[in-house]
Protein backbone atom coordinates (compact mmCIF):
# COMPACT_ATOMS: atom_id res chain seq x y z
CA MET A 1 94.62 92.31 96.03
CA LYS A 2 95.50 88.62 96.42
CA CYS A 3 97.21 86.83 99.29
CA SER A 4 99.24 83.60 99.39
CA ASN A 5 101.70 81.88 101.72
CA LEU A 6 105.48 82.18 101.46
CA GLY A 7 106.65 78.60 100.92
CA ILE A 8 106.31 76.44 104.02
CA PHE A 9 105.24 79.34 106.23
CA SER A 10 101.47 79.70 106.35
CA GLU A 11 101.88 82.72 108.66
CA VAL A 12 104.13 84.69 106.28
CA LYS A 13 102.01 86.19 103.50
CA ILE A 14 102.77 87.44 100.00
CA ILE A 15 100.30 90.12 99.00
CA GLU A 16 99.87 90.88 95.31
CA ASN A 17 98.73 94.40 94.63
CA ILE A 18 96.65 95.34 91.62
CA VAL A 19 98.61 97.90 89.59
CA HIS A 20 96.71 100.21 87.26
CA SER A 21 99.14 101.38 84.56
CA ASP A 22 98.79 103.61 81.53
CA GLU A 23 100.88 106.14 79.59
CA ARG A 24 100.83 108.50 82.60
CA GLY A 25 102.40 105.99 84.95
CA PHE A 26 100.67 103.80 87.53
CA PHE A 27 98.44 103.73 90.60
CA LEU A 28 98.24 101.06 93.30
CA GLU A 29 96.55 100.88 96.65
CA SER A 30 99.48 99.96 98.88
CA TYR A 31 97.46 99.55 102.06
CA ASN A 32 93.78 99.21 102.79
CA LYS A 33 93.04 98.14 106.36
CA LYS A 34 89.65 96.66 105.50
CA LYS A 35 91.06 94.47 102.69
CA PHE A 36 94.18 93.60 104.66
CA CYS A 37 92.17 92.41 107.66
CA ASN A 38 90.38 89.89 105.42
CA PHE A 39 93.67 87.94 105.14
CA PHE A 40 94.22 87.51 108.87
CA PRO A 41 92.20 86.05 111.75
CA GLN A 42 92.90 89.04 113.99
CA GLU A 43 93.21 92.74 113.36
CA ILE A 44 96.75 94.08 113.05
CA ASN A 45 97.25 97.67 114.12
CA PHE A 46 100.28 99.22 112.42
CA VAL A 47 101.85 102.06 114.43
CA GLN A 48 105.14 102.93 112.72
CA ASP A 49 106.42 103.30 109.14
CA ASN A 50 110.12 102.87 108.27
CA HIS A 51 112.02 103.60 105.06
CA SER A 52 115.51 102.41 104.11
CA ARG A 53 117.63 103.04 101.02
CA SER A 54 120.39 100.59 100.11
CA ASN A 55 122.88 100.14 97.32
CA LYS A 56 123.49 96.82 95.60
CA GLY A 57 125.19 94.37 97.92
CA VAL A 58 123.88 95.82 101.19
CA LEU A 59 122.61 93.02 103.41
CA ARG A 60 120.37 94.06 106.31
CA GLY A 61 119.37 91.62 109.02
CA LEU A 62 118.27 89.26 110.18
CA HIS A 63 116.32 91.48 112.58
CA PHE A 64 113.51 90.98 115.07
CA GLN A 65 112.24 92.35 118.36
CA HIS A 66 111.76 89.87 121.17
CA GLN A 67 108.95 89.96 123.70
CA PRO A 68 107.35 92.02 125.07
CA TYR A 69 107.89 94.36 122.09
CA ALA A 70 107.74 91.86 119.23
CA GLN A 71 106.93 93.30 115.81
CA ALA A 72 105.06 92.17 112.74
CA LYS A 73 106.05 93.90 109.48
CA LEU A 74 104.37 94.69 106.19
CA LEU A 75 107.09 95.41 103.65
CA ARG A 76 107.26 96.61 100.04
CA VAL A 77 109.89 97.87 97.62
CA THR A 78 109.16 101.22 95.97
CA LYS A 79 112.39 101.42 93.96
CA GLY A 80 114.94 98.77 93.03
CA ALA A 81 114.89 95.14 94.15
CA ILE A 82 115.70 92.88 97.10
CA LEU A 83 116.02 89.24 97.97
CA ASP A 84 113.92 89.09 101.12
CA VAL A 85 114.56 86.35 103.70
CA VAL A 86 112.59 85.20 106.75
CA VAL A 87 113.61 82.64 109.39
CA ASP A 88 111.25 80.98 111.84
CA ILE A 89 112.63 81.63 115.36
CA ARG A 90 109.72 80.09 117.30
CA VAL A 91 111.29 77.30 119.33
CA LYS A 92 108.14 75.12 119.41
CA SER A 93 107.35 75.57 115.70
CA ARG A 94 107.68 72.57 113.38
CA ASN A 95 109.56 74.97 111.07
CA PHE A 96 111.96 76.28 113.73
CA GLY A 97 115.24 77.38 112.12
CA LYS A 98 113.91 77.03 108.57
CA TRP A 99 114.00 79.88 106.07
CA GLU A 100 112.29 81.06 102.90
CA SER A 101 113.15 83.82 100.44
CA ILE A 102 111.43 85.84 97.73
CA GLU A 103 112.53 88.52 95.30
CA ILE A 104 110.51 91.71 95.71
CA ASN A 105 110.96 94.61 93.35
CA GLU A 106 109.32 97.79 92.13
CA ASN A 107 107.92 95.98 89.09
CA ASN A 108 106.22 93.00 90.75
CA ALA A 109 104.68 95.31 93.42
CA LEU A 110 104.55 92.48 95.95
CA MET A 111 104.25 93.08 99.66
CA LEU A 112 105.43 90.70 102.34
CA PHE A 113 103.80 90.30 105.73
CA VAL A 114 106.24 88.97 108.35
CA PRO A 115 104.54 88.11 111.65
CA GLU A 116 106.02 88.15 115.12
CA GLY A 117 108.29 85.18 115.75
CA PHE A 118 110.29 85.50 112.53
CA ALA A 119 113.68 87.07 111.91
CA HIS A 120 113.75 89.19 108.76
CA GLY A 121 116.44 90.50 106.46
CA PHE A 122 117.13 91.40 102.88
CA LEU A 123 119.87 91.74 100.29
CA ALA A 124 119.65 94.77 97.99
CA ILE A 125 120.21 93.54 94.45
CA GLU A 126 120.02 96.94 92.72
CA ASN A 127 121.55 100.32 93.56
CA GLY A 128 119.26 102.87 95.19
CA THR A 129 116.76 100.31 96.47
CA ASP A 130 114.03 101.80 98.68
CA VAL A 131 112.22 99.55 101.14
CA ILE A 132 109.22 100.81 103.11
CA TYR A 133 107.61 98.83 105.90
CA LYS A 134 104.98 99.17 108.55
CA THR A 135 105.31 97.68 112.05
CA ASN A 136 102.67 96.86 114.62
CA ASN A 137 104.89 97.87 117.53
CA PHE A 138 107.26 100.76 118.10
CA TYR A 139 111.01 100.28 117.92
CA ALA A 140 112.31 99.24 121.34
CA PRO A 141 116.15 99.20 121.53
CA ASN A 142 116.16 96.91 124.59
CA SER A 143 114.15 94.28 122.65
CA ASP A 144 116.22 94.52 119.48
CA GLY A 145 117.51 91.15 118.29
CA THR A 146 119.70 90.14 115.38
CA LEU A 147 120.31 86.65 114.01
CA ILE A 148 123.59 86.31 112.09
CA TRP A 149 122.96 86.28 108.34
CA ASP A 150 125.29 83.35 107.62
CA ASP A 151 124.48 80.99 110.51
CA PRO A 152 125.81 77.63 109.22
CA LEU A 153 123.05 75.69 111.03
CA ILE A 154 120.40 77.58 109.06
CA GLY A 155 122.25 77.66 105.74
CA ILE A 156 120.48 80.51 103.96
CA ASN A 157 121.23 80.74 100.25
CA TRP A 158 121.53 84.48 99.64
CA GLN A 159 122.22 83.81 95.93
CA LEU A 160 125.27 86.09 96.01
CA GLU A 161 126.78 84.56 92.86
CA HIS A 162 123.48 84.83 90.99
CA TYR A 163 123.27 88.55 91.78
CA LYS A 164 127.01 89.04 91.12
CA ILE A 165 127.77 90.17 94.67
CA THR A 166 131.16 89.07 95.98
CA ASN A 167 131.24 90.77 99.39
CA PRO A 168 127.94 91.79 100.97
CA ILE A 169 128.03 95.13 102.79
CA ILE A 170 126.97 94.49 106.38
CA SER A 171 126.69 96.89 109.33
CA ILE A 172 128.84 96.36 112.44
CA LYS A 173 125.68 95.55 114.40
CA ASP A 174 124.72 92.82 111.93
CA GLN A 175 128.30 91.47 111.77
CA ASN A 176 128.15 91.02 115.56
CA ALA A 177 124.79 89.24 115.51
CA LEU A 178 124.23 85.95 117.34
CA THR A 179 123.66 82.48 115.95
CA LEU A 180 120.35 80.71 116.50
CA GLU A 181 122.05 78.57 119.17
CA GLN A 182 123.40 81.65 121.00
CA LEU A 183 119.99 83.38 120.87
CA SER A 184 118.44 80.21 122.32
CA GLU A 185 121.01 80.06 125.14
CA LYS A 186 120.19 83.67 126.03
CA ASN A 187 116.45 82.90 125.92
CA LEU A 188 115.84 85.56 123.22
CA LEU A 189 113.75 83.42 120.87
CA PHE A 190 110.00 82.97 120.72
CA PRO A 191 108.15 80.09 122.41
């Protein structure tokens, strides 16, 4: 298991699993608390697992939970592929409002750790894509936050043309999400 940073974000980690493959199939250790804790200065206690299935063109996010129920996530793709996107929503961060993306799929077996203070979303780029993720806090509807996926001030490149997606499929909740400026006005961002 190896760990590296996602672009400019030293807090967001890409974890490379070791995959043992042969004619029978494969085996990988998807989570080992002892090894995982070596990558971080403090212990992270995951309390909830979530699983979503999406068809090609489904765009989920950009989601977060604001204080006092903020969540960190450890995400992986077990089937299919996604373009995963994170946005720094910590007002005092030098990277505030900046974003990074990475393709995660069943073949590269990467995991992504998204800490508290980041909005997270993904675009399914294959049909029947399964995403599984752990969180370090329970879902709290009153702390649920959503940053609009196409905020012009952030300018995320979702690579829609590259993936041959003309109209992303977006939930009503995500269509009604707020811009970074609106979230700031409502004091829903991180310090």
